[in-house]
Amino acid sequence: MSFWQYDKIGYILRIKLTPNASSCGFGDLWISADGLPYLKAYVTVAPEKGKANAELIKMLAKKLSMAKSSLQIINGETEHLKKIRLTVTASSDDTETKLNSLIKENA
């Protein structure tokens, strides 16, 4: 099971965001109590006035080579656990490869 799933509109990404981190980036997967995997993400900015969310969207857009406008938080705006919609016209192996490359495996 992955932290993303594809539907008719695009991809839904499950992200566990940690603001005020020492550096920005992505980590490994975290499994919630209901068994769903979330990608760990870290940003250095504080969670005030949407700054941490904006930084997360900016990081995702850059790593996925997508426009920021193609990413939208659809659940968890003020929480650590977020669902983000990545709007695309069709699923693609390239997009899925980029999504999977965000995961940092623990050695």
PDB file of N, CA and C in Angstrom:
ATOM      1  N   MET A   1       0.851  -1.183   0.000  1.00  0.00           N
ATOM      2  CA  MET A   1       0.000   0.000   0.000  1.00  0.00           C
ATOM      3  C   MET A   1       0.893   1.242   0.000  1.00  0.00           C
ATOM      4  N   SER A   2       0.477   2.250  -0.719  1.00  0.00           N
ATOM      5  CA  SER A   2       1.275   3.462  -0.829  1.00  0.00           C
ATOM      6  C   SER A   2       0.564   4.649  -0.173  1.00  0.00           C
ATOM      7  N   PHE A   3       1.283   5.757  -0.040  1.00  0.00           N
ATOM      8  CA  PHE A   3       0.712   6.963   0.567  1.00  0.00           C
ATOM      9  C   PHE A   3      -0.150   7.729  -0.434  1.00  0.00           C
ATOM     10  N   TRP A   4      -0.228   7.261  -1.675  1.00  0.00           N
ATOM     11  CA  TRP A   4      -1.039   7.926  -2.687  1.00  0.00           C
ATOM     12  C   TRP A   4      -1.982   6.920  -3.326  1.00  0.00           C
ATOM     13  N   GLN A   5      -3.048   7.465  -3.906  1.00  0.00           N
ATOM     14  CA  GLN A   5      -3.968   6.641  -4.691  1.00  0.00           C
ATOM     15  C   GLN A   5      -4.477   7.488  -5.843  1.00  0.00           C
ATOM     16  N   TYR A   6      -4.797   6.818  -6.944  1.00  0.00           N
ATOM     17  CA  TYR A   6      -5.286   7.515  -8.134  1.00  0.00           C
ATOM     18  C   TYR A   6      -6.796   7.396  -8.212  1.00  0.00           C
ATOM     19  N   ASP A   7      -7.468   8.501  -8.590  1.00  0.00           N
ATOM     20  CA  ASP A   7      -8.895   8.461  -8.891  1.00  0.00           C
ATOM     21  C   ASP A   7      -9.121   9.196 -10.210  1.00  0.00           C
ATOM     22  N   LYS A   8     -10.352   9.460 -10.578  1.00  0.00           N
ATOM     23  CA  LYS A   8     -10.671  10.064 -11.881  1.00  0.00           C
ATOM     24  C   LYS A   8     -10.095  11.462 -12.066  1.00  0.00           C
ATOM     25  N   ILE A   9      -9.867  12.180 -10.978  1.00  0.00           N
ATOM     26  CA  ILE A   9      -9.411  13.572 -11.063  1.00  0.00           C
ATOM     27  C   ILE A   9      -7.893  13.675 -10.988  1.00  0.00           C
ATOM     28  N   GLY A  10      -7.267  12.728 -10.347  1.00  0.00           N
ATOM     29  CA  GLY A  10      -5.822  12.768 -10.174  1.00  0.00           C
ATOM     30  C   GLY A  10      -5.403  11.871  -9.027  1.00  0.00           C
ATOM     31  N   TYR A  11      -4.461  12.337  -8.242  1.00  0.00           N
ATOM     32  CA  TYR A  11      -3.928  11.561  -7.126  1.00  0.00           C
ATOM     33  C   TYR A  11      -4.317  12.207  -5.800  1.00  0.00           C
ATOM     34  N   ILE A  12      -4.567  11.381  -4.806  1.00  0.00           N
ATOM     35  CA  ILE A  12      -4.755  11.838  -3.438  1.00  0.00           C
ATOM     36  C   ILE A  12      -3.505  11.397  -2.676  1.00  0.00           C
ATOM     37  N   LEU A  13      -2.800  12.357  -2.079  1.00  0.00           N
ATOM     38  CA  LEU A  13      -1.591  12.075  -1.315  1.00  0.00           C
ATOM     39  C   LEU A  13      -1.901  12.216   0.167  1.00  0.00           C
ATOM     40  N   ARG A  14      -1.443  11.269   0.973  1.00  0.00           N
ATOM     41  CA  ARG A  14      -1.567  11.365   2.426  1.00  0.00           C
ATOM     42  C   ARG A  14      -0.208  11.772   2.979  1.00  0.00           C
ATOM     43  N   ILE A  15      -0.162  12.906   3.670  1.00  0.00           N
ATOM     44  CA  ILE A  15       1.086  13.485   4.170  1.00  0.00           C
ATOM     45  C   ILE A  15       0.967  13.741   5.670  1.00  0.00           C
ATOM     46  N   LYS A  16       2.008  13.411   6.417  1.00  0.00           N
ATOM     47  CA  LYS A  16       2.112  13.767   7.840  1.00  0.00           C
ATOM     48  C   LYS A  16       3.153  14.877   7.922  1.00  0.00           C
ATOM     49  N   LEU A  17       2.694  16.103   8.144  1.00  0.00           N
ATOM     50  CA  LEU A  17       3.570  17.277   8.114  1.00  0.00           C
ATOM     51  C   LEU A  17       4.087  17.634   9.505  1.00  0.00           C
ATOM     52  N   THR A  18       5.399  17.854   9.580  1.00  0.00           N
ATOM     53  CA  THR A  18       6.039  18.330  10.806  1.00  0.00           C
ATOM     54  C   THR A  18       6.613  19.718  10.539  1.00  0.00           C
ATOM     55  N   PRO A  19       5.983  20.777  11.084  1.00  0.00           N
ATOM     56  CA  PRO A  19       6.531  22.130  10.939  1.00  0.00           C
ATOM     57  C   PRO A  19       7.641  22.364  11.967  1.00  0.00           C
ATOM     58  N   ASN A  20       8.336  23.481  11.841  1.00  0.00           N
ATOM     59  CA  ASN A  20       9.422  23.848  12.758  1.00  0.00           C
ATOM     60  C   ASN A  20      10.529  22.797  12.809  1.00  0.00           C
ATOM     61  N   ALA A  21      10.748  22.089  11.714  1.00  0.00           N
ATOM     62  CA  ALA A  21      11.803  21.075  11.660  1.00  0.00           C
ATOM     63  C   ALA A  21      13.151  21.753  11.428  1.00  0.00           C
ATOM     64  N   SER A  22      14.219  21.011  11.622  1.00  0.00           N
ATOM     65  CA  SER A  22      15.557  21.582  11.422  1.00  0.00           C
ATOM     66  C   SER A  22      15.897  21.731   9.945  1.00  0.00           C
ATOM     67  N   SER A  23      15.223  20.958   9.066  1.00  0.00           N
ATOM     68  CA  SER A  23      15.430  21.098   7.629  1.00  0.00           C
ATOM     69  C   SER A  23      14.161  20.672   6.897  1.00  0.00           C
ATOM     70  N   CYS A  24      14.064  21.077   5.639  1.00  0.00           N
ATOM     71  CA  CYS A  24      12.909  20.720   4.812  1.00  0.00           C
ATOM     72  C   CYS A  24      13.207  19.424   4.064  1.00  0.00           C
ATOM     73  N   GLY A  25      12.180  18.631   3.861  1.00  0.00           N
ATOM     74  CA  GLY A  25      12.356  17.421   3.072  1.00  0.00           C
ATOM     75  C   GLY A  25      11.272  16.401   3.361  1.00  0.00           C
ATOM     76  N   PHE A  26      11.485  15.220   2.790  1.00  0.00           N
ATOM     77  CA  PHE A  26      10.541  14.121   2.950  1.00  0.00           C
ATOM     78  C   PHE A  26      11.240  12.966   3.644  1.00  0.00           C
ATOM     79  N   GLY A  27      10.471  12.165   4.338  1.00  0.00           N
ATOM     80  CA  GLY A  27      11.030  11.037   5.078  1.00  0.00           C
ATOM     81  C   GLY A  27      10.441   9.724   4.623  1.00  0.00           C
ATOM     82  N   ASP A  28      10.362   8.789   5.548  1.00  0.00           N
ATOM     83  CA  ASP A  28       9.806   7.488   5.246  1.00  0.00           C
ATOM     84  C   ASP A  28       8.291   7.517   5.462  1.00  0.00           C
ATOM     85  N   LEU A  29       7.680   6.355   5.430  1.00  0.00           N
ATOM     86  CA  LEU A  29       6.241   6.269   5.631  1.00  0.00           C
ATOM     87  C   LEU A  29       5.918   6.081   7.098  1.00  0.00           C
ATOM     88  N   TRP A  30       4.815   6.657   7.522  1.00  0.00           N
ATOM     89  CA  TRP A  30       4.277   6.519   8.863  1.00  0.00           C
ATOM     90  C   TRP A  30       2.913   5.865   8.713  1.00  0.00           C
ATOM     91  N   ILE A  31       2.621   4.866   9.517  1.00  0.00           N
ATOM     92  CA  ILE A  31       1.343   4.151   9.435  1.00  0.00           C
ATOM     93  C   ILE A  31       0.421   4.644  10.546  1.00  0.00           C
ATOM     94  N   SER A  32      -0.757   5.120  10.167  1.00  0.00           N
ATOM     95  CA  SER A  32      -1.732   5.632  11.141  1.00  0.00           C
ATOM     96  C   SER A  32      -2.396   4.478  11.874  1.00  0.00           C
ATOM     97  N   ALA A  33      -3.166   4.799  12.904  1.00  0.00           N
ATOM     98  CA  ALA A  33      -3.863   3.789  13.706  1.00  0.00           C
ATOM     99  C   ALA A  33      -4.830   2.962  12.863  1.00  0.00           C
ATOM    100  N   ASP A  34      -5.370   3.565  11.796  1.00  0.00           N
ATOM    101  CA  ASP A  34      -6.291   2.821  10.931  1.00  0.00           C
ATOM    102  C   ASP A  34      -5.567   2.080   9.800  1.00  0.00           C
ATOM    103  N   GLY A  35      -4.229   2.058   9.860  1.00  0.00           N
ATOM    104  CA  GLY A  35      -3.451   1.267   8.906  1.00  0.00           C
ATOM    105  C   GLY A  35      -3.092   1.954   7.609  1.00  0.00           C
ATOM    106  N   LEU A  36      -3.402   3.235   7.473  1.00  0.00           N
ATOM    107  CA  LEU A  36      -3.086   3.949   6.235  1.00  0.00           C
ATOM    108  C   LEU A  36      -1.680   4.550   6.293  1.00  0.00           C
ATOM    109  N   PRO A  37      -0.906   4.396   5.215  1.00  0.00           N
ATOM    110  CA  PRO A  37       0.428   4.991   5.191  1.00  0.00           C
ATOM    111  C   PRO A  37       0.370   6.477   4.822  1.00  0.00           C
ATOM    112  N   TYR A  38       1.186   7.265   5.507  1.00  0.00           N
ATOM    113  CA  TYR A  38       1.339   8.692   5.245  1.00  0.00           C
ATOM    114  C   TYR A  38       2.816   8.960   4.987  1.00  0.00           C
ATOM    115  N   LEU A  39       3.123   9.811   4.026  1.00  0.00           N
ATOM    116  CA  LEU A  39       4.495  10.228   3.784  1.00  0.00           C
ATOM    117  C   LEU A  39       4.852  11.306   4.795  1.00  0.00           C
ATOM    118  N   LYS A  40       5.983  11.134   5.498  1.00  0.00           N
ATOM    119  CA  LYS A  40       6.434  12.160   6.435  1.00  0.00           C
ATOM    120  C   LYS A  40       7.060  13.304   5.653  1.00  0.00           C
ATOM    121  N   ALA A  41       6.684  14.529   5.998  1.00  0.00           N
ATOM    122  CA  ALA A  41       7.244  15.725   5.364  1.00  0.00           C
ATOM    123  C   ALA A  41       7.645  16.695   6.468  1.00  0.00           C
ATOM    124  N   TYR A  42       8.733  17.416   6.227  1.00  0.00           N
ATOM    125  CA  TYR A  42       9.277  18.347   7.214  1.00  0.00           C
ATOM    126  C   TYR A  42       9.488  19.712   6.577  1.00  0.00           C
ATOM    127  N   VAL A  43       9.059  20.761   7.267  1.00  0.00           N
ATOM    128  CA  VAL A  43       9.310  22.128   6.820  1.00  0.00           C
ATOM    129  C   VAL A  43       9.869  22.926   7.991  1.00  0.00           C
ATOM    130  N   THR A  44      10.665  23.933   7.687  1.00  0.00           N
ATOM    131  CA  THR A  44      11.317  24.721   8.738  1.00  0.00           C
ATOM    132  C   THR A  44      10.450  25.861   9.246  1.00  0.00           C
ATOM    133  N   VAL A  45       9.371  26.171   8.545  1.00  0.00           N
ATOM    134  CA  VAL A  45       8.536  27.306   8.930  1.00  0.00           C
ATOM    135  C   VAL A  45       7.508  26.905   9.990  1.00  0.00           C
ATOM    136  N   ALA A  46       7.009  27.904  10.695  1.00  0.00           N
ATOM    137  CA  ALA A  46       6.014  27.691  11.742  1.00  0.00           C
ATOM    138  C   ALA A  46       4.627  27.479  11.136  1.00  0.00           C
ATOM    139  N   PRO A  47       3.773  26.750  11.848  1.00  0.00           N
ATOM    140  CA  PRO A  47       2.417  26.504  11.356  1.00  0.00           C
ATOM    141  C   PRO A  47       1.479  27.666  11.666  1.00  0.00           C
ATOM    142  N   GLU A  48       1.793  28.840  11.154  1.00  0.00           N
ATOM    143  CA  GLU A  48       0.940  29.996  11.404  1.00  0.00           C
ATOM    144  C   GLU A  48       0.526  30.633  10.089  1.00  0.00           C
ATOM    145  N   LYS A  49      -0.733  30.957   9.997  1.00  0.00           N
ATOM    146  CA  LYS A  49      -1.305  31.616   8.816  1.00  0.00           C
ATOM    147  C   LYS A  49      -1.033  30.848   7.524  1.00  0.00           C
ATOM    148  N   GLY A  50      -1.004  29.525   7.604  1.00  0.00           N
ATOM    149  CA  GLY A  50      -0.847  28.696   6.410  1.00  0.00           C
ATOM    150  C   GLY A  50       0.558  28.629   5.838  1.00  0.00           C
ATOM    151  N   LYS A  51       1.548  29.155   6.554  1.00  0.00           N
ATOM    152  CA  LYS A  51       2.919  29.179   6.020  1.00  0.00           C
ATOM    153  C   LYS A  51       3.492  27.773   5.844  1.00  0.00           C
ATOM    154  N   ALA A  52       3.252  26.878   6.796  1.00  0.00           N
ATOM    155  CA  ALA A  52       3.768  25.513   6.694  1.00  0.00           C
ATOM    156  C   ALA A  52       3.102  24.778   5.531  1.00  0.00           C
ATOM    157  N   ASN A  53       1.799  24.957   5.363  1.00  0.00           N
ATOM    158  CA  ASN A  53       1.094  24.342   4.246  1.00  0.00           C
ATOM    159  C   ASN A  53       1.613  24.858   2.908  1.00  0.00           C
ATOM    160  N   ALA A  54       1.839  26.156   2.821  1.00  0.00           N
ATOM    161  CA  ALA A  54       2.354  26.752   1.584  1.00  0.00           C
ATOM    162  C   ALA A  54       3.733  26.199   1.251  1.00  0.00           C
ATOM    163  N   GLU A  55       4.562  26.036   2.267  1.00  0.00           N
ATOM    164  CA  GLU A  55       5.908  25.473   2.052  1.00  0.00           C
ATOM    165  C   GLU A  55       5.819  24.024   1.586  1.00  0.00           C
ATOM    166  N   LEU A  56       4.894  23.259   2.150  1.00  0.00           N
ATOM    167  CA  LEU A  56       4.690  21.871   1.738  1.00  0.00           C
ATOM    168  C   LEU A  56       4.279  21.809   0.267  1.00  0.00           C
ATOM    169  N   ILE A  57       3.325  22.625  -0.127  1.00  0.00           N
ATOM    170  CA  ILE A  57       2.868  22.652  -1.524  1.00  0.00           C
ATOM    171  C   ILE A  57       4.018  23.035  -2.448  1.00  0.00           C
ATOM    172  N   LYS A  58       4.806  24.015  -2.045  1.00  0.00           N
ATOM    173  CA  LYS A  58       5.959  24.458  -2.839  1.00  0.00           C
ATOM    174  C   LYS A  58       6.970  23.314  -3.008  1.00  0.00           C
ATOM    175  N   MET A  59       7.262  22.599  -1.921  1.00  0.00           N
ATOM    176  CA  MET A  59       8.206  21.478  -1.985  1.00  0.00           C
ATOM    177  C   MET A  59       7.686  20.364  -2.894  1.00  0.00           C
ATOM    178  N   LEU A  60       6.413  20.013  -2.742  1.00  0.00           N
ATOM    179  CA  LEU A  60       5.829  18.963  -3.572  1.00  0.00           C
ATOM    180  C   LEU A  60       5.863  19.344  -5.047  1.00  0.00           C
ATOM    181  N   ALA A  61       5.475  20.577  -5.348  1.00  0.00           N
ATOM    182  CA  ALA A  61       5.453  21.038  -6.741  1.00  0.00           C
ATOM    183  C   ALA A  61       6.845  20.952  -7.360  1.00  0.00           C
ATOM    184  N   LYS A  62       7.841  21.366  -6.614  1.00  0.00           N
ATOM    185  CA  LYS A  62       9.214  21.342  -7.127  1.00  0.00           C
ATOM    186  C   LYS A  62       9.679  19.909  -7.366  1.00  0.00           C
ATOM    187  N   LYS A  63       9.485  19.024  -6.386  1.00  0.00           N
ATOM    188  CA  LYS A  63       9.936  17.636  -6.500  1.00  0.00           C
ATOM    189  C   LYS A  63       9.196  16.866  -7.595  1.00  0.00           C
ATOM    190  N   LEU A  64       7.929  17.205  -7.810  1.00  0.00           N
ATOM    191  CA  LEU A  64       7.129  16.493  -8.805  1.00  0.00           C
ATOM    192  C   LEU A  64       7.140  17.173 -10.171  1.00  0.00           C
ATOM    193  N   SER A  65       7.819  18.317 -10.267  1.00  0.00           N
ATOM    194  CA  SER A  65       7.857  19.107 -11.518  1.00  0.00           C
ATOM    195  C   SER A  65       6.447  19.450 -11.991  1.00  0.00           C
ATOM    196  N   MET A  66       5.632  19.918 -11.052  1.00  0.00           N
ATOM    197  CA  MET A  66       4.242  20.288 -11.325  1.00  0.00           C
ATOM    198  C   MET A  66       4.030  21.740 -10.910  1.00  0.00           C
ATOM    199  N   ALA A  67       2.994  22.336 -11.448  1.00  0.00           N
ATOM    200  CA  ALA A  67       2.625  23.689 -11.023  1.00  0.00           C
ATOM    201  C   ALA A  67       2.008  23.616  -9.623  1.00  0.00           C
ATOM    202  N   LYS A  68       2.285  24.633  -8.799  1.00  0.00           N
ATOM    203  CA  LYS A  68       1.693  24.665  -7.464  1.00  0.00           C
ATOM    204  C   LYS A  68       0.170  24.636  -7.546  1.00  0.00           C
ATOM    205  N   SER A  69      -0.384  25.202  -8.603  1.00  0.00           N
ATOM    206  CA  SER A  69      -1.842  25.244  -8.756  1.00  0.00           C
ATOM    207  C   SER A  69      -2.448  23.856  -8.967  1.00  0.00           C
ATOM    208  N   SER A  70      -1.639  22.852  -9.289  1.00  0.00           N
ATOM    209  CA  SER A  70      -2.162  21.495  -9.467  1.00  0.00           C
ATOM    210  C   SER A  70      -2.257  20.739  -8.144  1.00  0.00           C
ATOM    211  N   LEU A  71      -1.798  21.363  -7.050  1.00  0.00           N
ATOM    212  CA  LEU A  71      -1.840  20.753  -5.718  1.00  0.00           C
ATOM    213  C   LEU A  71      -2.770  21.542  -4.810  1.00  0.00           C
ATOM    214  N   GLN A  72      -3.625  20.826  -4.082  1.00  0.00           N
ATOM    215  CA  GLN A  72      -4.580  21.485  -3.194  1.00  0.00           C
ATOM    216  C   GLN A  72      -4.802  20.623  -1.960  1.00  0.00           C
ATOM    217  N   ILE A  73      -4.741  21.237  -0.781  1.00  0.00           N
ATOM    218  CA  ILE A  73      -5.045  20.521   0.454  1.00  0.00           C
ATOM    219  C   ILE A  73      -6.557  20.361   0.535  1.00  0.00           C
ATOM    220  N   ILE A  74      -7.009  19.120   0.589  1.00  0.00           N
ATOM    221  CA  ILE A  74      -8.453  18.867   0.623  1.00  0.00           C
ATOM    222  C   ILE A  74      -8.924  18.412   2.000  1.00  0.00           C
ATOM    223  N   ASN A  75      -7.975  18.075   2.888  1.00  0.00           N
ATOM    224  CA  ASN A  75      -8.338  17.648   4.234  1.00  0.00           C
ATOM    225  C   ASN A  75      -7.132  17.855   5.139  1.00  0.00           C
ATOM    226  N   GLY A  76      -7.363  18.374   6.352  1.00  0.00           N
ATOM    227  CA  GLY A  76      -6.293  18.533   7.316  1.00  0.00           C
ATOM    228  C   GLY A  76      -5.570  19.860   7.245  1.00  0.00           C
ATOM    229  N   GLU A  77      -6.241  20.890   6.802  1.00  0.00           N
ATOM    230  CA  GLU A  77      -5.637  22.223   6.659  1.00  0.00           C
ATOM    231  C   GLU A  77      -4.927  22.679   7.941  1.00  0.00           C
ATOM    232  N   THR A  78      -5.508  22.375   9.095  1.00  0.00           N
ATOM    233  CA  THR A  78      -4.929  22.821  10.368  1.00  0.00           C
ATOM    234  C   THR A  78      -4.429  21.646  11.216  1.00  0.00           C
ATOM    235  N   GLU A  79      -4.212  20.498  10.600  1.00  0.00           N
ATOM    236  CA  GLU A  79      -3.763  19.305  11.316  1.00  0.00           C
ATOM    237  C   GLU A  79      -2.451  18.794  10.736  1.00  0.00           C
ATOM    238  N   HIS A  80      -1.809  17.888  11.447  1.00  0.00           N
ATOM    239  CA  HIS A  80      -0.562  17.288  10.952  1.00  0.00           C
ATOM    240  C   HIS A  80      -0.831  16.320   9.803  1.00  0.00           C
ATOM    241  N   LEU A  81      -1.939  15.586   9.869  1.00  0.00           N
ATOM    242  CA  LEU A  81      -2.278  14.620   8.829  1.00  0.00           C
ATOM    243  C   LEU A  81      -3.105  15.315   7.757  1.00  0.00           C
ATOM    244  N   LYS A  82      -2.602  15.263   6.532  1.00  0.00           N
ATOM    245  CA  LYS A  82      -3.228  16.000   5.434  1.00  0.00           C
ATOM    246  C   LYS A  82      -3.511  15.087   4.258  1.00  0.00           C
ATOM    247  N   LYS A  83      -4.533  15.455   3.512  1.00  0.00           N
ATOM    248  CA  LYS A  83      -4.788  14.831   2.216  1.00  0.00           C
ATOM    249  C   LYS A  83      -4.657  15.939   1.182  1.00  0.00           C
ATOM    250  N   ILE A  84      -3.855  15.670   0.177  1.00  0.00           N
ATOM    251  CA  ILE A  84      -3.581  16.657  -0.858  1.00  0.00           C
ATOM    252  C   ILE A  84      -3.975  16.083  -2.205  1.00  0.00           C
ATOM    253  N   ARG A  85      -4.730  16.859  -2.958  1.00  0.00           N
ATOM    254  CA  ARG A  85      -5.107  16.438  -4.311  1.00  0.00           C
ATOM    255  C   ARG A  85      -4.076  16.961  -5.294  1.00  0.00           C
ATOM    256  N   LEU A  86      -3.566  16.049  -6.112  1.00  0.00           N
ATOM    257  CA  LEU A  86      -2.693  16.384  -7.239  1.00  0.00           C
ATOM    258  C   LEU A  86      -3.524  16.168  -8.493  1.00  0.00           C
ATOM    259  N   THR A  87      -3.944  17.244  -9.117  1.00  0.00           N
ATOM    260  CA  THR A  87      -4.809  17.152 -10.287  1.00  0.00           C
ATOM    261  C   THR A  87      -3.975  16.923 -11.540  1.00  0.00           C
ATOM    262  N   VAL A  88      -4.281  15.830 -12.245  1.00  0.00           N
ATOM    263  CA  VAL A  88      -3.632  15.505 -13.514  1.00  0.00           C
ATOM    264  C   VAL A  88      -4.702  14.983 -14.463  1.00  0.00           C
ATOM    265  N   THR A  89      -4.402  15.006 -15.754  1.00  0.00           N
ATOM    266  CA  THR A  89      -5.393  14.563 -16.732  1.00  0.00           C
ATOM    267  C   THR A  89      -5.496  13.041 -16.806  1.00  0.00           C
ATOM    268  N   ALA A  90      -4.410  12.333 -16.489  1.00  0.00           N
ATOM    269  CA  ALA A  90      -4.418  10.873 -16.514  1.00  0.00           C
ATOM    270  C   ALA A  90      -3.293  10.363 -15.640  1.00  0.00           C
ATOM    271  N   SER A  91      -3.443   9.128 -15.176  1.00  0.00           N
ATOM    272  CA  SER A  91      -2.355   8.535 -14.393  1.00  0.00           C
ATOM    273  C   SER A  91      -1.168   8.307 -15.316  1.00  0.00           C
ATOM    274  N   SER A  92       0.019   8.369 -14.752  1.00  0.00           N
ATOM    275  CA  SER A  92       1.204   8.121 -15.572  1.00  0.00           C
ATOM    276  C   SER A  92       2.282   7.462 -14.728  1.00  0.00           C
ATOM    277  N   ASP A  93       3.034   6.595 -15.387  1.00  0.00           N
ATOM    278  CA  ASP A  93       4.137   5.925 -14.696  1.00  0.00           C
ATOM    279  C   ASP A  93       5.156   6.939 -14.220  1.00  0.00           C
ATOM    280  N   ASP A  94       5.357   8.009 -14.987  1.00  0.00           N
ATOM    281  CA  ASP A  94       6.328   9.037 -14.617  1.00  0.00           C
ATOM    282  C   ASP A  94       5.922   9.719 -13.307  1.00  0.00           C
ATOM    283  N   THR A  95       4.653  10.106 -13.201  1.00  0.00           N
ATOM    284  CA  THR A  95       4.160  10.743 -11.980  1.00  0.00           C
ATOM    285  C   THR A  95       4.258   9.788 -10.804  1.00  0.00           C
ATOM    286  N   GLU A  96       3.889   8.546 -11.005  1.00  0.00           N
ATOM    287  CA  GLU A  96       3.931   7.566  -9.920  1.00  0.00           C
ATOM    288  C   GLU A  96       5.372   7.271  -9.493  1.00  0.00           C
ATOM    289  N   THR A  97       6.297   7.258 -10.444  1.00  0.00           N
ATOM    290  CA  THR A  97       7.714   7.088 -10.111  1.00  0.00           C
ATOM    291  C   THR A  97       8.199   8.263  -9.275  1.00  0.00           C
ATOM    292  N   LYS A  98       7.810   9.493  -9.646  1.00  0.00           N
ATOM    293  CA  LYS A  98       8.200  10.681  -8.881  1.00  0.00           C
ATOM    294  C   LYS A  98       7.603  10.646  -7.475  1.00  0.00           C
ATOM    295  N   LEU A  99       6.348  10.226  -7.361  1.00  0.00           N
ATOM    296  CA  LEU A  99       5.712  10.134  -6.045  1.00  0.00           C
ATOM    297  C   LEU A  99       6.463   9.129  -5.168  1.00  0.00           C
ATOM    298  N   ASN A 100       6.748   7.967  -5.713  1.00  0.00           N
ATOM    299  CA  ASN A 100       7.441   6.929  -4.940  1.00  0.00           C
ATOM    300  C   ASN A 100       8.866   7.352  -4.580  1.00  0.00           C
ATOM    301  N   SER A 101       9.483   8.199  -5.407  1.00  0.00           N
ATOM    302  CA  SER A 101      10.858   8.627  -5.126  1.00  0.00           C
ATOM    303  C   SER A 101      10.932   9.597  -3.944  1.00  0.00           C
ATOM    304  N   LEU A 102       9.787  10.132  -3.510  1.00  0.00           N
ATOM    305  CA  LEU A 102       9.764  11.022  -2.356  1.00  0.00           C
ATOM    306  C   LEU A 102      10.056  10.280  -1.054  1.00  0.00           C
ATOM    307  N   ILE A 103       9.797   8.967  -1.037  1.00  0.00           N
ATOM    308  CA  ILE A 103       9.955   8.164   0.180  1.00  0.00           C
ATOM    309  C   ILE A 103      11.437   7.901   0.411  1.00  0.00           C
ATOM    310  N   LYS A 104      11.879   8.212   1.624  1.00  0.00           N
ATOM    311  CA  LYS A 104      13.256   7.890   2.010  1.00  0.00           C
ATOM    312  C   LYS A 104      13.206   6.623   2.853  1.00  0.00           C
ATOM    313  N   GLU A 105      13.830   5.603   2.353  1.00  0.00           N
ATOM    314  CA  GLU A 105      13.847   4.330   3.074  1.00  0.00           C
ATOM    315  C   GLU A 105      14.815   4.386   4.241  1.00  0.00           C
ATOM    316  N   ASN A 106      14.402   3.869   5.364  1.00  0.00           N
ATOM    317  CA  ASN A 106      15.297   3.784   6.516  1.00  0.00           C
ATOM    318  C   ASN A 106      16.249   2.609   6.333  1.00  0.00           C
ATOM    319  N   ALA A 107      17.506   2.849   6.595  1.00  0.00           N
ATOM    320  CA  ALA A 107      18.510   1.785   6.443  1.00  0.00           C
ATOM    321  C   ALA A 107      18.512   0.885   7.660  1.00  0.00           C
TER     322      ALA A 107
END
